[in-house]
Amino acid sequence: MFNSDPSDSSLLRSILEPLLEDFQYWFQRSRLLLETEPLLFLSAEKRADLLARVAVAQQEVSTAQLLFRAMDGQVGIETSVMKPWHDLVAECWQVAVRFRMQESSQNNVNGL
């Protein structure tokens, strides 16, 4: 249902725009990690799968941002659409944590 109440649009914009930007930020950071760092705990297949899922999610978020702007903030996004993005960000955070642990243990072994 379309609601043209300006206060609803303002509230939606104040919440949804930063949320979408956060998704883009974390997906970009995750992509950089997956593309550039040695992740010894992750098989090449799992790494490629995660990287592909991040790339798809980035495209989905970009599309949502474009639609949101094109509709001048008059459209929302279903929670069921955003939940997989949230889950993927959480999965990427876990990879980042493991990478930091890997780096820490390598530094300890090398006496750094």
PDB file of N, CA and C in Angstrom:
ATOM      1  N   MET A   1       0.847  -1.175   0.000  1.00  0.00           N
ATOM      2  CA  MET A   1       0.000   0.000   0.000  1.00  0.00           C
ATOM      3  C   MET A   1       0.889   1.234   0.000  1.00  0.00           C
ATOM      4  N   PHE A   2       0.540   2.192  -0.815  1.00  0.00           N
ATOM      5  CA  PHE A   2       1.311   3.415  -0.955  1.00  0.00           C
ATOM      6  C   PHE A   2       0.854   4.426   0.076  1.00  0.00           C
ATOM      7  N   ASN A   3       1.797   4.972   0.799  1.00  0.00           N
ATOM      8  CA  ASN A   3       1.482   5.984   1.801  1.00  0.00           C
ATOM      9  C   ASN A   3       2.299   7.211   1.466  1.00  0.00           C
ATOM     10  N   SER A   4       1.637   8.316   1.159  1.00  0.00           N
ATOM     11  CA  SER A   4       2.349   9.507   0.728  1.00  0.00           C
ATOM     12  C   SER A   4       2.602  10.490   1.864  1.00  0.00           C
ATOM     13  N   ASP A   5       2.442  10.071   3.090  1.00  0.00           N
ATOM     14  CA  ASP A   5       2.695  10.928   4.238  1.00  0.00           C
ATOM     15  C   ASP A   5       4.170  11.318   4.242  1.00  0.00           C
ATOM     16  N   PRO A   6       4.475  12.619   4.150  1.00  0.00           N
ATOM     17  CA  PRO A   6       5.883  13.044   4.098  1.00  0.00           C
ATOM     18  C   PRO A   6       6.701  12.596   5.307  1.00  0.00           C
ATOM     19  N   SER A   7       6.081  12.521   6.478  1.00  0.00           N
ATOM     20  CA  SER A   7       6.846  12.097   7.659  1.00  0.00           C
ATOM     21  C   SER A   7       7.256  10.632   7.546  1.00  0.00           C
ATOM     22  N   ASP A   8       6.414   9.806   6.926  1.00  0.00           N
ATOM     23  CA  ASP A   8       6.772   8.398   6.706  1.00  0.00           C
ATOM     24  C   ASP A   8       7.958   8.293   5.756  1.00  0.00           C
ATOM     25  N   SER A   9       7.949   9.094   4.710  1.00  0.00           N
ATOM     26  CA  SER A   9       9.031   9.093   3.743  1.00  0.00           C
ATOM     27  C   SER A   9      10.333   9.549   4.398  1.00  0.00           C
ATOM     28  N   SER A  10      10.250  10.556   5.230  1.00  0.00           N
ATOM     29  CA  SER A  10      11.435  11.058   5.918  1.00  0.00           C
ATOM     30  C   SER A  10      12.011  10.005   6.864  1.00  0.00           C
ATOM     31  N   LEU A  11      11.140   9.336   7.592  1.00  0.00           N
ATOM     32  CA  LEU A  11      11.578   8.278   8.501  1.00  0.00           C
ATOM     33  C   LEU A  11      12.207   7.137   7.716  1.00  0.00           C
ATOM     34  N   LEU A  12      11.554   6.727   6.647  1.00  0.00           N
ATOM     35  CA  LEU A  12      12.075   5.645   5.813  1.00  0.00           C
ATOM     36  C   LEU A  12      13.441   6.015   5.258  1.00  0.00           C
ATOM     37  N   ARG A  13      13.564   7.238   4.780  1.00  0.00           N
ATOM     38  CA  ARG A  13      14.842   7.691   4.221  1.00  0.00           C
ATOM     39  C   ARG A  13      15.925   7.716   5.296  1.00  0.00           C
ATOM     40  N   SER A  14      15.591   8.160   6.489  1.00  0.00           N
ATOM     41  CA  SER A  14      16.601   8.265   7.551  1.00  0.00           C
ATOM     42  C   SER A  14      17.079   6.893   8.031  1.00  0.00           C
ATOM     43  N   ILE A  15      16.288   5.881   7.823  1.00  0.00           N
ATOM     44  CA  ILE A  15      16.674   4.530   8.244  1.00  0.00           C
ATOM     45  C   ILE A  15      17.231   3.718   7.077  1.00  0.00           C
ATOM     46  N   LEU A  16      16.530   3.736   5.964  1.00  0.00           N
ATOM     47  CA  LEU A  16      16.876   2.839   4.864  1.00  0.00           C
ATOM     48  C   LEU A  16      18.134   3.265   4.104  1.00  0.00           C
ATOM     49  N   GLU A  17      18.272   4.551   3.848  1.00  0.00           N
ATOM     50  CA  GLU A  17      19.456   5.001   3.104  1.00  0.00           C
ATOM     51  C   GLU A  17      20.764   4.617   3.805  1.00  0.00           C
ATOM     52  N   PRO A  18      20.918   4.924   5.091  1.00  0.00           N
ATOM     53  CA  PRO A  18      22.169   4.526   5.761  1.00  0.00           C
ATOM     54  C   PRO A  18      22.346   3.007   5.838  1.00  0.00           C
ATOM     55  N   LEU A  19      21.247   2.286   5.987  1.00  0.00           N
ATOM     56  CA  LEU A  19      21.333   0.833   6.047  1.00  0.00           C
ATOM     57  C   LEU A  19      21.867   0.266   4.734  1.00  0.00           C
ATOM     58  N   LEU A  20      21.357   0.756   3.635  1.00  0.00           N
ATOM     59  CA  LEU A  20      21.830   0.297   2.327  1.00  0.00           C
ATOM     60  C   LEU A  20      23.293   0.678   2.116  1.00  0.00           C
ATOM     61  N   GLU A  21      23.672   1.873   2.567  1.00  0.00           N
ATOM     62  CA  GLU A  21      25.072   2.286   2.470  1.00  0.00           C
ATOM     63  C   GLU A  21      25.966   1.377   3.316  1.00  0.00           C
ATOM     64  N   ASP A  22      25.490   0.992   4.497  1.00  0.00           N
ATOM     65  CA  ASP A  22      26.255   0.066   5.343  1.00  0.00           C
ATOM     66  C   ASP A  22      26.459  -1.278   4.655  1.00  0.00           C
ATOM     67  N   PHE A  23      25.396  -1.791   4.041  1.00  0.00           N
ATOM     68  CA  PHE A  23      25.535  -3.053   3.306  1.00  0.00           C
ATOM     69  C   PHE A  23      26.616  -2.914   2.239  1.00  0.00           C
ATOM     70  N   GLN A  24      26.572  -1.823   1.484  1.00  0.00           N
ATOM     71  CA  GLN A  24      27.574  -1.622   0.429  1.00  0.00           C
ATOM     72  C   GLN A  24      28.981  -1.551   1.016  1.00  0.00           C
ATOM     73  N   TYR A  25      29.131  -0.851   2.129  1.00  0.00           N
ATOM     74  CA  TYR A  25      30.433  -0.722   2.780  1.00  0.00           C
ATOM     75  C   TYR A  25      30.990  -2.086   3.173  1.00  0.00           C
ATOM     76  N   TRP A  26      30.167  -2.879   3.865  1.00  0.00           N
ATOM     77  CA  TRP A  26      30.651  -4.178   4.348  1.00  0.00           C
ATOM     78  C   TRP A  26      30.874  -5.163   3.211  1.00  0.00           C
ATOM     79  N   PHE A  27      30.038  -5.101   2.180  1.00  0.00           N
ATOM     80  CA  PHE A  27      30.269  -5.988   1.041  1.00  0.00           C
ATOM     81  C   PHE A  27      31.556  -5.604   0.312  1.00  0.00           C
ATOM     82  N   GLN A  28      31.826  -4.319   0.194  1.00  0.00           N
ATOM     83  CA  GLN A  28      33.062  -3.888  -0.465  1.00  0.00           C
ATOM     84  C   GLN A  28      34.292  -4.314   0.336  1.00  0.00           C
ATOM     85  N   ARG A  29      34.244  -4.143   1.644  1.00  0.00           N
ATOM     86  CA  ARG A  29      35.361  -4.576   2.494  1.00  0.00           C
ATOM     87  C   ARG A  29      35.566  -6.087   2.399  1.00  0.00           C
ATOM     88  N   SER A  30      34.460  -6.815   2.400  1.00  0.00           N
ATOM     89  CA  SER A  30      34.537  -8.272   2.311  1.00  0.00           C
ATOM     90  C   SER A  30      35.116  -8.699   0.974  1.00  0.00           C
ATOM     91  N   ARG A  31      34.687  -8.041  -0.062  1.00  0.00           N
ATOM     92  CA  ARG A  31      35.185  -8.362  -1.394  1.00  0.00           C
ATOM     93  C   ARG A  31      36.694  -8.131  -1.473  1.00  0.00           C
ATOM     94  N   LEU A  32      37.141  -7.024  -0.911  1.00  0.00           N
ATOM     95  CA  LEU A  32      38.573  -6.723  -0.896  1.00  0.00           C
ATOM     96  C   LEU A  32      39.346  -7.805  -0.140  1.00  0.00           C
ATOM     97  N   LEU A  33      38.835  -8.205   0.999  1.00  0.00           N
ATOM     98  CA  LEU A  33      39.481  -9.271   1.785  1.00  0.00           C
ATOM     99  C   LEU A  33      39.551 -10.563   0.983  1.00  0.00           C
ATOM    100  N   LEU A  34      38.435 -10.932   0.373  1.00  0.00           N
ATOM    101  CA  LEU A  34      38.374 -12.191  -0.372  1.00  0.00           C
ATOM    102  C   LEU A  34      39.245 -12.172  -1.623  1.00  0.00           C
ATOM    103  N   GLU A  35      39.412 -11.001  -2.216  1.00  0.00           N
ATOM    104  CA  GLU A  35      40.182 -10.910  -3.457  1.00  0.00           C
ATOM    105  C   GLU A  35      41.684 -10.729  -3.233  1.00  0.00           C
ATOM    106  N   THR A  36      42.074 -10.254  -2.050  1.00  0.00           N
ATOM    107  CA  THR A  36      43.485  -9.870  -1.900  1.00  0.00           C
ATOM    108  C   THR A  36      44.263 -10.598  -0.810  1.00  0.00           C
ATOM    109  N   GLU A  37      43.594 -11.169   0.156  1.00  0.00           N
ATOM    110  CA  GLU A  37      44.316 -11.739   1.297  1.00  0.00           C
ATOM    111  C   GLU A  37      44.392 -13.268   1.222  1.00  0.00           C
ATOM    112  N   PRO A  38      45.471 -13.839   1.745  1.00  0.00           N
ATOM    113  CA  PRO A  38      45.574 -15.297   1.815  1.00  0.00           C
ATOM    114  C   PRO A  38      44.683 -15.816   2.952  1.00  0.00           C
ATOM    115  N   LEU A  39      43.677 -16.546   2.615  1.00  0.00           N
ATOM    116  CA  LEU A  39      42.746 -17.099   3.604  1.00  0.00           C
ATOM    117  C   LEU A  39      42.992 -18.598   3.673  1.00  0.00           C
ATOM    118  N   LEU A  40      43.955 -18.975   4.472  1.00  0.00           N
ATOM    119  CA  LEU A  40      44.420 -20.362   4.524  1.00  0.00           C
ATOM    120  C   LEU A  40      43.356 -21.329   5.024  1.00  0.00           C
ATOM    121  N   PHE A  41      42.399 -20.851   5.768  1.00  0.00           N
ATOM    122  CA  PHE A  41      41.346 -21.676   6.363  1.00  0.00           C
ATOM    123  C   PHE A  41      40.160 -21.879   5.420  1.00  0.00           C
ATOM    124  N   LEU A  42      40.199 -21.249   4.262  1.00  0.00           N
ATOM    125  CA  LEU A  42      39.064 -21.281   3.332  1.00  0.00           C
ATOM    126  C   LEU A  42      39.515 -21.926   2.026  1.00  0.00           C
ATOM    127  N   SER A  43      38.807 -22.966   1.609  1.00  0.00           N
ATOM    128  CA  SER A  43      39.156 -23.612   0.338  1.00  0.00           C
ATOM    129  C   SER A  43      38.888 -22.647  -0.817  1.00  0.00           C
ATOM    130  N   ALA A  44      39.551 -22.898  -1.921  1.00  0.00           N
ATOM    131  CA  ALA A  44      39.371 -22.055  -3.109  1.00  0.00           C
ATOM    132  C   ALA A  44      37.905 -22.054  -3.557  1.00  0.00           C
ATOM    133  N   GLU A  45      37.266 -23.207  -3.448  1.00  0.00           N
ATOM    134  CA  GLU A  45      35.859 -23.325  -3.852  1.00  0.00           C
ATOM    135  C   GLU A  45      34.954 -22.491  -2.948  1.00  0.00           C
ATOM    136  N   LYS A  46      35.163 -22.588  -1.642  1.00  0.00           N
ATOM    137  CA  LYS A  46      34.334 -21.818  -0.699  1.00  0.00           C
ATOM    138  C   LYS A  46      34.598 -20.324  -0.833  1.00  0.00           C
ATOM    139  N   ARG A  47      35.841 -19.985  -1.075  1.00  0.00           N
ATOM    140  CA  ARG A  47      36.197 -18.579  -1.265  1.00  0.00           C
ATOM    141  C   ARG A  47      35.500 -18.019  -2.506  1.00  0.00           C
ATOM    142  N   ALA A  48      35.569 -18.765  -3.597  1.00  0.00           N
ATOM    143  CA  ALA A  48      34.926 -18.329  -4.842  1.00  0.00           C
ATOM    144  C   ALA A  48      33.414 -18.221  -4.668  1.00  0.00           C
ATOM    145  N   ASP A  49      32.829 -19.168  -3.947  1.00  0.00           N
ATOM    146  CA  ASP A  49      31.389 -19.136  -3.698  1.00  0.00           C
ATOM    147  C   ASP A  49      31.006 -17.905  -2.889  1.00  0.00           C
ATOM    148  N   LEU A  50      31.750 -17.627  -1.830  1.00  0.00           N
ATOM    149  CA  LEU A  50      31.454 -16.469  -0.995  1.00  0.00           C
ATOM    150  C   LEU A  50      31.647 -15.177  -1.774  1.00  0.00           C
ATOM    151  N   LEU A  51      32.697 -15.104  -2.548  1.00  0.00           N
ATOM    152  CA  LEU A  51      32.955 -13.923  -3.372  1.00  0.00           C
ATOM    153  C   LEU A  51      31.831 -13.704  -4.379  1.00  0.00           C
ATOM    154  N   ALA A  52      31.351 -14.761  -4.989  1.00  0.00           N
ATOM    155  CA  ALA A  52      30.251 -14.654  -5.952  1.00  0.00           C
ATOM    156  C   ALA A  52      28.974 -14.182  -5.261  1.00  0.00           C
ATOM    157  N   ARG A  53      28.702 -14.710  -4.073  1.00  0.00           N
ATOM    158  CA  ARG A  53      27.507 -14.284  -3.340  1.00  0.00           C
ATOM    159  C   ARG A  53      27.591 -12.822  -2.915  1.00  0.00           C
ATOM    160  N   VAL A  54      28.796 -12.381  -2.549  1.00  0.00           N
ATOM    161  CA  VAL A  54      28.985 -10.971  -2.186  1.00  0.00           C
ATOM    162  C   VAL A  54      28.757 -10.086  -3.407  1.00  0.00           C
ATOM    163  N   ALA A  55      29.279 -10.487  -4.548  1.00  0.00           N
ATOM    164  CA  ALA A  55      29.109  -9.704  -5.781  1.00  0.00           C
ATOM    165  C   ALA A  55      27.628  -9.588  -6.156  1.00  0.00           C
ATOM    166  N   VAL A  56      26.888 -10.681  -6.034  1.00  0.00           N
ATOM    167  CA  VAL A  56      25.451 -10.660  -6.332  1.00  0.00           C
ATOM    168  C   VAL A  56      24.729  -9.745  -5.340  1.00  0.00           C
ATOM    169  N   ALA A  57      25.065  -9.854  -4.073  1.00  0.00           N
ATOM    170  CA  ALA A  57      24.424  -9.016  -3.055  1.00  0.00           C
ATOM    171  C   ALA A  57      24.718  -7.545  -3.306  1.00  0.00           C
ATOM    172  N   GLN A  58      25.938  -7.228  -3.714  1.00  0.00           N
ATOM    173  CA  GLN A  58      26.275  -5.838  -4.034  1.00  0.00           C
ATOM    174  C   GLN A  58      25.380  -5.313  -5.154  1.00  0.00           C
ATOM    175  N   GLN A  59      25.175  -6.131  -6.164  1.00  0.00           N
ATOM    176  CA  GLN A  59      24.309  -5.727  -7.275  1.00  0.00           C
ATOM    177  C   GLN A  59      22.863  -5.531  -6.801  1.00  0.00           C
ATOM    178  N   GLU A  60      22.405  -6.432  -5.952  1.00  0.00           N
ATOM    179  CA  GLU A  60      21.044  -6.318  -5.425  1.00  0.00           C
ATOM    180  C   GLU A  60      20.876  -5.048  -4.602  1.00  0.00           C
ATOM    181  N   VAL A  61      21.853  -4.754  -3.766  1.00  0.00           N
ATOM    182  CA  VAL A  61      21.783  -3.535  -2.949  1.00  0.00           C
ATOM    183  C   VAL A  61      21.841  -2.302  -3.846  1.00  0.00           C
ATOM    184  N   SER A  62      22.694  -2.332  -4.850  1.00  0.00           N
ATOM    185  CA  SER A  62      22.767  -1.202  -5.786  1.00  0.00           C
ATOM    186  C   SER A  62      21.432  -0.974  -6.474  1.00  0.00           C
ATOM    187  N   THR A  63      20.795  -2.056  -6.876  1.00  0.00           N
ATOM    188  CA  THR A  63      19.482  -1.946  -7.512  1.00  0.00           C
ATOM    189  C   THR A  63      18.456  -1.362  -6.549  1.00  0.00           C
ATOM    190  N   ALA A  64      18.480  -1.832  -5.310  1.00  0.00           N
ATOM    191  CA  ALA A  64      17.559  -1.306  -4.299  1.00  0.00           C
ATOM    192  C   ALA A  64      17.803   0.177  -4.070  1.00  0.00           C
ATOM    193  N   GLN A  65      19.071   0.582  -4.038  1.00  0.00           N
ATOM    194  CA  GLN A  65      19.390   1.999  -3.857  1.00  0.00           C
ATOM    195  C   GLN A  65      18.874   2.834  -5.025  1.00  0.00           C
ATOM    196  N   LEU A  66      19.061   2.330  -6.237  1.00  0.00           N
ATOM    197  CA  LEU A  66      18.575   3.054  -7.418  1.00  0.00           C
ATOM    198  C   LEU A  66      17.060   3.205  -7.397  1.00  0.00           C
ATOM    199  N   LEU A  67      16.361   2.127  -7.061  1.00  0.00           N
ATOM    200  CA  LEU A  67      14.903   2.193  -6.998  1.00  0.00           C
ATOM    201  C   LEU A  67      14.437   3.139  -5.894  1.00  0.00           C
ATOM    202  N   PHE A  68      15.106   3.081  -4.762  1.00  0.00           N
ATOM    203  CA  PHE A  68      14.757   3.946  -3.639  1.00  0.00           C
ATOM    204  C   PHE A  68      14.903   5.409  -4.034  1.00  0.00           C
ATOM    205  N   ARG A  69      16.013   5.727  -4.697  1.00  0.00           N
ATOM    206  CA  ARG A  69      16.235   7.117  -5.140  1.00  0.00           C
ATOM    207  C   ARG A  69      15.264   7.512  -6.245  1.00  0.00           C
ATOM    208  N   ALA A  70      15.022   6.600  -7.182  1.00  0.00           N
ATOM    209  CA  ALA A  70      14.113   6.899  -8.287  1.00  0.00           C
ATOM    210  C   ALA A  70      12.697   7.161  -7.788  1.00  0.00           C
ATOM    211  N   MET A  71      12.324   6.495  -6.720  1.00  0.00           N
ATOM    212  CA  MET A  71      10.986   6.675  -6.145  1.00  0.00           C
ATOM    213  C   MET A  71      10.987   7.759  -5.069  1.00  0.00           C
ATOM    214  N   ASP A  72      12.093   8.493  -4.972  1.00  0.00           N
ATOM    215  CA  ASP A  72      12.228   9.601  -4.027  1.00  0.00           C
ATOM    216  C   ASP A  72      11.906   9.184  -2.596  1.00  0.00           C
ATOM    217  N   GLY A  73      12.373   8.002  -2.238  1.00  0.00           N
ATOM    218  CA  GLY A  73      12.205   7.527  -0.864  1.00  0.00           C
ATOM    219  C   GLY A  73      10.791   7.103  -0.516  1.00  0.00           C
ATOM    220  N   GLN A  74       9.965   6.897  -1.510  1.00  0.00           N
ATOM    221  CA  GLN A  74       8.572   6.534  -1.275  1.00  0.00           C
ATOM    222  C   GLN A  74       8.333   5.027  -1.317  1.00  0.00           C
ATOM    223  N   VAL A  75       9.409   4.263  -1.305  1.00  0.00           N
ATOM    224  CA  VAL A  75       9.284   2.812  -1.382  1.00  0.00           C
ATOM    225  C   VAL A  75      10.219   2.179  -0.357  1.00  0.00           C
ATOM    226  N   GLY A  76       9.757   1.126   0.252  1.00  0.00           N
ATOM    227  CA  GLY A  76      10.576   0.419   1.231  1.00  0.00           C
ATOM    228  C   GLY A  76      11.104  -0.880   0.649  1.00  0.00           C
ATOM    229  N   ILE A  77      11.786  -1.636   1.485  1.00  0.00           N
ATOM    230  CA  ILE A  77      12.319  -2.937   1.089  1.00  0.00           C
ATOM    231  C   ILE A  77      11.851  -3.947   2.119  1.00  0.00           C
ATOM    232  N   GLU A  78      11.310  -5.022   1.645  1.00  0.00           N
ATOM    233  CA  GLU A  78      10.830  -6.078   2.530  1.00  0.00           C
ATOM    234  C   GLU A  78      11.982  -6.638   3.365  1.00  0.00           C
ATOM    235  N   THR A  79      11.693  -6.949   4.594  1.00  0.00           N
ATOM    236  CA  THR A  79      12.675  -7.556   5.482  1.00  0.00           C
ATOM    237  C   THR A  79      13.186  -8.863   4.904  1.00  0.00           C
ATOM    238  N   SER A  80      12.312  -9.599   4.254  1.00  0.00           N
ATOM    239  CA  SER A  80      12.709 -10.886   3.669  1.00  0.00           C
ATOM    240  C   SER A  80      13.752 -10.713   2.564  1.00  0.00           C
ATOM    241  N   VAL A  81      13.816  -9.521   1.975  1.00  0.00           N
ATOM    242  CA  VAL A  81      14.833  -9.233   0.956  1.00  0.00           C
ATOM    243  C   VAL A  81      16.154  -8.881   1.629  1.00  0.00           C
ATOM    244  N   MET A  82      16.091  -8.152   2.735  1.00  0.00           N
ATOM    245  CA  MET A  82      17.307  -7.696   3.406  1.00  0.00           C
ATOM    246  C   MET A  82      17.949  -8.751   4.309  1.00  0.00           C
ATOM    247  N   LYS A  83      17.173  -9.678   4.810  1.00  0.00           N
ATOM    248  CA  LYS A  83      17.721 -10.671   5.738  1.00  0.00           C
ATOM    249  C   LYS A  83      18.891 -11.459   5.134  1.00  0.00           C
ATOM    250  N   PRO A  84      18.791 -11.919   3.887  1.00  0.00           N
ATOM    251  CA  PRO A  84      19.951 -12.618   3.312  1.00  0.00           C
ATOM    252  C   PRO A  84      21.199 -11.736   3.236  1.00  0.00           C
ATOM    253  N   TRP A  85      21.011 -10.440   3.018  1.00  0.00           N
ATOM    254  CA  TRP A  85      22.162  -9.530   3.012  1.00  0.00           C
ATOM    255  C   TRP A  85      22.779  -9.464   4.406  1.00  0.00           C
ATOM    256  N   HIS A  86      21.926  -9.355   5.396  1.00  0.00           N
ATOM    257  CA  HIS A  86      22.404  -9.308   6.775  1.00  0.00           C
ATOM    258  C   HIS A  86      23.160 -10.594   7.119  1.00  0.00           C
ATOM    259  N   ASP A  87      22.590 -11.725   6.750  1.00  0.00           N
ATOM    260  CA  ASP A  87      23.240 -13.011   7.019  1.00  0.00           C
ATOM    261  C   ASP A  87      24.589 -13.108   6.310  1.00  0.00           C
ATOM    262  N   LEU A  88      24.655 -12.595   5.087  1.00  0.00           N
ATOM    263  CA  LEU A  88      25.906 -12.643   4.330  1.00  0.00           C
ATOM    264  C   LEU A  88      26.955 -11.738   4.969  1.00  0.00           C
ATOM    265  N   VAL A  89      26.554 -10.560   5.433  1.00  0.00           N
ATOM    266  CA  VAL A  89      27.493  -9.679   6.133  1.00  0.00           C
ATOM    267  C   VAL A  89      28.031 -10.383   7.378  1.00  0.00           C
ATOM    268  N   ALA A  90      27.154 -11.025   8.132  1.00  0.00           N
ATOM    269  CA  ALA A  90      27.588 -11.753   9.332  1.00  0.00           C
ATOM    270  C   ALA A  90      28.572 -12.870   8.967  1.00  0.00           C
ATOM    271  N   GLU A  91      28.308 -13.571   7.878  1.00  0.00           N
ATOM    272  CA  GLU A  91      29.224 -14.622   7.423  1.00  0.00           C
ATOM    273  C   GLU A  91      30.582 -14.026   7.048  1.00  0.00           C
ATOM    274  N   CYS A  92      30.560 -12.894   6.380  1.00  0.00           N
ATOM    275  CA  CYS A  92      31.809 -12.230   5.993  1.00  0.00           C
ATOM    276  C   CYS A  92      32.572 -11.746   7.222  1.00  0.00           C
ATOM    277  N   TRP A  93      31.853 -11.274   8.227  1.00  0.00           N
ATOM    278  CA  TRP A  93      32.510 -10.855   9.470  1.00  0.00           C
ATOM    279  C   TRP A  93      33.239 -12.038  10.107  1.00  0.00           C
ATOM    280  N   GLN A  94      32.615 -13.206  10.054  1.00  0.00           N
ATOM    281  CA  GLN A  94      33.253 -14.399  10.618  1.00  0.00           C
ATOM    282  C   GLN A  94      34.539 -14.741   9.866  1.00  0.00           C
ATOM    283  N   VAL A  95      34.527 -14.577   8.567  1.00  0.00           N
ATOM    284  CA  VAL A  95      35.738 -14.812   7.771  1.00  0.00           C
ATOM    285  C   VAL A  95      36.809 -13.796   8.169  1.00  0.00           C
ATOM    286  N   ALA A  96      36.419 -12.550   8.357  1.00  0.00           N
ATOM    287  CA  ALA A  96      37.376 -11.512   8.755  1.00  0.00           C
ATOM    288  C   ALA A  96      37.973 -11.816  10.131  1.00  0.00           C
ATOM    289  N   VAL A  97      37.153 -12.290  11.050  1.00  0.00           N
ATOM    290  CA  VAL A  97      37.643 -12.653  12.381  1.00  0.00           C
ATOM    291  C   VAL A  97      38.659 -13.792  12.261  1.00  0.00           C
ATOM    292  N   ARG A  98      38.321 -14.793  11.487  1.00  0.00           N
ATOM    293  CA  ARG A  98      39.252 -15.925  11.306  1.00  0.00           C
ATOM    294  C   ARG A  98      40.544 -15.469  10.637  1.00  0.00           C
ATOM    295  N   PHE A  99      40.433 -14.538   9.704  1.00  0.00           N
ATOM    296  CA  PHE A  99      41.633 -14.015   9.052  1.00  0.00           C
ATOM    297  C   PHE A  99      42.521 -13.300  10.070  1.00  0.00           C
ATOM    298  N   ARG A 100      41.925 -12.493  10.942  1.00  0.00           N
ATOM    299  CA  ARG A 100      42.706 -11.810  11.973  1.00  0.00           C
ATOM    300  C   ARG A 100      43.371 -12.817  12.914  1.00  0.00           C
ATOM    301  N   MET A 101      42.653 -13.883  13.233  1.00  0.00           N
ATOM    302  CA  MET A 101      43.244 -14.924  14.081  1.00  0.00           C
ATOM    303  C   MET A 101      44.402 -15.599  13.346  1.00  0.00           C
ATOM    304  N   GLN A 102      44.230 -15.851  12.065  1.00  0.00           N
ATOM    305  CA  GLN A 102      45.288 -16.451  11.244  1.00  0.00           C
ATOM    306  C   GLN A 102      46.515 -15.544  11.233  1.00  0.00           C
ATOM    307  N   GLU A 103      46.307 -14.268  11.017  1.00  0.00           N
ATOM    308  CA  GLU A 103      47.411 -13.309  10.989  1.00  0.00           C
ATOM    309  C   GLU A 103      48.098 -13.233  12.343  1.00  0.00           C
ATOM    310  N   SER A 104      47.317 -13.238  13.400  1.00  0.00           N
ATOM    311  CA  SER A 104      47.865 -13.174  14.742  1.00  0.00           C
ATOM    312  C   SER A 104      48.718 -14.394  15.048  1.00  0.00           C
ATOM    313  N   SER A 105      48.224 -15.565  14.694  1.00  0.00           N
ATOM    314  CA  SER A 105      48.985 -16.785  14.981  1.00  0.00           C
ATOM    315  C   SER A 105      50.248 -16.846  14.125  1.00  0.00           C
ATOM    316  N   GLN A 106      50.194 -16.351  12.890  1.00  0.00           N
ATOM    317  CA  GLN A 106      51.391 -16.330  12.042  1.00  0.00           C
ATOM    318  C   GLN A 106      52.429 -15.351  12.612  1.00  0.00           C
ATOM    319  N   ASN A 107      51.961 -14.224  13.129  1.00  0.00           N
ATOM    320  CA  ASN A 107      52.869 -13.264  13.731  1.00  0.00           C
ATOM    321  C   ASN A 107      53.514 -13.834  14.986  1.00  0.00           C
ATOM    322  N   ASN A 108      52.758 -14.605  15.761  1.00  0.00           N
ATOM    323  CA  ASN A 108      53.309 -15.229  16.966  1.00  0.00           C
ATOM    324  C   ASN A 108      54.358 -16.278  16.605  1.00  0.00           C
ATOM    325  N   VAL A 109      54.106 -17.030  15.559  1.00  0.00           N
ATOM    326  CA  VAL A 109      55.047 -18.068  15.114  1.00  0.00           C
ATOM    327  C   VAL A 109      56.331 -17.418  14.591  1.00  0.00           C
ATOM    328  N   ASN A 110      56.176 -16.294  13.897  1.00  0.00           N
ATOM    329  CA  ASN A 110      57.333 -15.605  13.315  1.00  0.00           C
ATOM    330  C   ASN A 110      58.037 -14.696  14.328  1.00  0.00           C
ATOM    331  N   GLY A 111      57.551 -14.653  15.549  1.00  0.00           N
ATOM    332  CA  GLY A 111      58.190 -13.847  16.588  1.00  0.00           C
ATOM    333  C   GLY A 111      57.919 -12.366  16.480  1.00  0.00           C
ATOM    334  N   LEU A 112      56.860 -12.017  15.794  1.00  0.00           N
ATOM    335  CA  LEU A 112      56.525 -10.578  15.650  1.00  0.00           C
ATOM    336  C   LEU A 112      55.651 -10.103  16.782  1.00  0.00           C
TER     337      LEU A 112
END
